[in-house]
Protein backbone atom coordinates (compact mmCIF):
# COMPACT_ATOMS: atom_id res chain seq x y z
CA MET A 1 13.28 95.13 209.88
CA PRO A 2 16.73 96.74 209.51
CA ARG A 3 17.01 100.52 209.77
CA ASP A 4 18.92 100.58 206.49
CA PRO A 5 17.80 97.64 204.32
CA VAL A 6 20.30 98.38 201.53
CA GLN A 7 23.22 98.43 203.97
CA PHE A 8 21.90 95.22 205.53
CA ILE A 9 22.02 93.49 202.13
CA ILE A 10 25.55 94.77 201.46
CA ASP A 11 26.74 93.69 204.92
CA SER A 12 25.03 90.29 204.59
CA VAL A 13 26.97 89.61 201.40
CA GLN A 14 30.27 90.88 202.84
CA TYR A 15 30.08 89.63 206.43
CA GLY A 16 27.14 87.23 206.73
CA VAL A 17 23.66 87.75 208.13
CA GLU A 18 24.65 87.65 211.83
CA GLU A 19 27.29 90.37 211.41
CA ALA A 20 24.89 92.45 209.29
CA LYS A 21 22.15 92.66 211.95
CA GLN A 22 21.61 96.29 212.88
CA ASP A 23 21.33 97.66 216.39
CA PRO A 24 17.83 99.15 216.77
CA ALA A 25 19.11 102.16 218.74
CA THR A 26 22.04 103.19 216.53
CA GLY A 27 21.50 101.37 213.26
CA LEU A 28 25.07 100.06 213.48
CA PRO A 29 25.58 96.57 212.09
CA VAL A 30 27.18 94.06 214.47
CA HIS A 31 30.52 94.10 212.63
CA ARG A 32 30.86 97.90 213.02
CA LYS A 33 29.56 98.01 216.58
CA THR A 34 32.09 95.35 217.62
CA LYS A 35 35.00 97.37 216.19
CA LEU A 36 33.76 100.59 217.80
CA LEU A 37 33.43 98.93 221.21
CA GLU A 38 37.00 97.69 220.83
CA LEU A 39 38.09 101.28 220.14
CA PHE A 40 36.06 102.51 223.13
CA ARG A 41 37.86 100.04 225.41
CA VAL A 42 41.24 101.23 224.10
CA ILE A 43 40.40 104.84 225.01
CA ASP A 44 38.74 103.88 228.32
CA LYS A 45 42.01 102.79 229.95
CA GLN A 46 40.47 102.60 233.45
CA ASP A 47 37.64 100.35 232.19
CA THR A 48 34.97 102.56 233.76
CA GLY A 49 32.56 102.40 230.83
CA ARG A 50 32.98 106.15 230.37
CA ILE A 51 35.53 108.33 228.61
CA SER A 52 36.68 111.58 230.19
CA PHE A 53 38.00 114.58 228.30
CA ARG A 54 41.44 113.76 229.73
CA SER A 55 41.31 110.19 228.39
CA MET A 56 40.24 111.50 224.99
CA GLN A 57 43.08 114.03 225.06
CA MET A 58 45.66 111.37 225.97
CA TYR A 59 44.36 109.10 223.21
CA ALA A 60 44.40 111.91 220.62
CA ASN A 61 47.96 112.90 221.58
CA ARG A 62 49.17 109.32 221.35
CA TYR A 63 47.40 108.40 218.11
CA GLY A 64 48.10 111.24 215.75
CA GLY A 65 46.08 113.95 217.39
CA GLN A 66 49.07 116.21 217.93
CA THR A 67 47.64 118.53 215.30
CA LEU A 68 44.48 119.05 217.35
CA GLY A 69 44.57 122.04 219.63
CA PRO A 70 42.69 122.11 222.95
CA GLU A 71 39.77 124.03 221.39
CA GLU A 72 39.39 121.55 218.52
CA LEU A 73 39.55 118.57 220.86
CA SER A 74 37.01 120.23 223.15
CA SER A 75 34.71 120.77 220.16
CA ILE A 76 34.99 117.10 219.15
CA PHE A 77 34.30 116.04 222.74
CA THR A 78 31.19 118.26 222.75
CA ASP A 79 30.03 116.60 219.51
CA PHE A 80 29.79 113.33 221.42
CA LYS A 81 27.03 114.99 223.49
CA ALA A 82 28.51 113.81 226.77
CA GLY A 83 26.05 113.77 229.65
CA SER A 84 25.90 116.29 232.47
CA ASP A 85 28.79 114.44 234.12
CA ASN A 86 30.93 115.41 231.09
CA LEU A 87 31.80 111.78 230.41
CA ILE A 88 31.12 109.86 227.21
CA THR A 89 29.28 106.58 227.72
CA GLN A 90 29.50 103.61 225.35
CA ASP A 91 26.03 104.45 224.05
CA GLU A 92 26.99 108.09 223.33
CA PHE A 93 30.17 106.87 221.65
CA LEU A 94 28.20 104.47 219.43
CA VAL A 95 25.55 107.07 218.55
CA PHE A 96 28.27 109.57 217.58
CA PHE A 97 30.07 107.08 215.35
CA SER A 98 26.81 105.83 213.84
CA ARG A 99 26.25 109.42 212.61
CA VAL A 100 29.87 109.92 211.53
CA SER A 101 30.15 106.61 209.67
CA LYS A 102 26.66 106.40 208.20
CA THR A 103 27.70 107.41 204.67
CA ILE A 104 31.06 105.68 204.41
CA THR A 105 31.69 102.30 202.84
CA ASN A 106 32.72 99.27 204.86
CA ALA A 107 36.24 99.56 203.45
CA GLN A 108 36.46 103.20 204.55
CA PHE A 109 35.07 102.29 207.97
CA GLU A 110 37.58 99.45 208.40
CA SER A 111 40.40 101.77 207.37
CA MET A 112 39.25 104.49 209.79
CA VAL A 113 39.02 102.12 212.74
CA LYS A 114 42.31 100.39 211.89
CA GLU A 115 44.03 103.77 211.79
CA MET A 116 42.49 104.73 215.13
CA LEU A 117 43.55 101.45 216.75
CA ASN A 118 47.14 101.49 215.51
């Protein structure tokens, strides 16, 4: 049973049943989770499976985050609820974006991720 049956129906029509299946832990459909993992890998340059504050800062500076000051970036990093090691895991990244993207349409989600990847 999908976490969000209405979204499952919408995604099934737009992307097909396989891409519409929702992750039990995050509620993210496959098509969104795939895009977010791609974004995670872009930020995780060292391929450690974790994102440090420094990596997040470098990514933000490179991809339009020049307007974010250190305090704002620190606040965003905190919102990810990084573990005691102060690193963001893939799971924490997915949980954060499942909350952030829960109420946006697929078109808005695609636009957001495209902007973050370019």
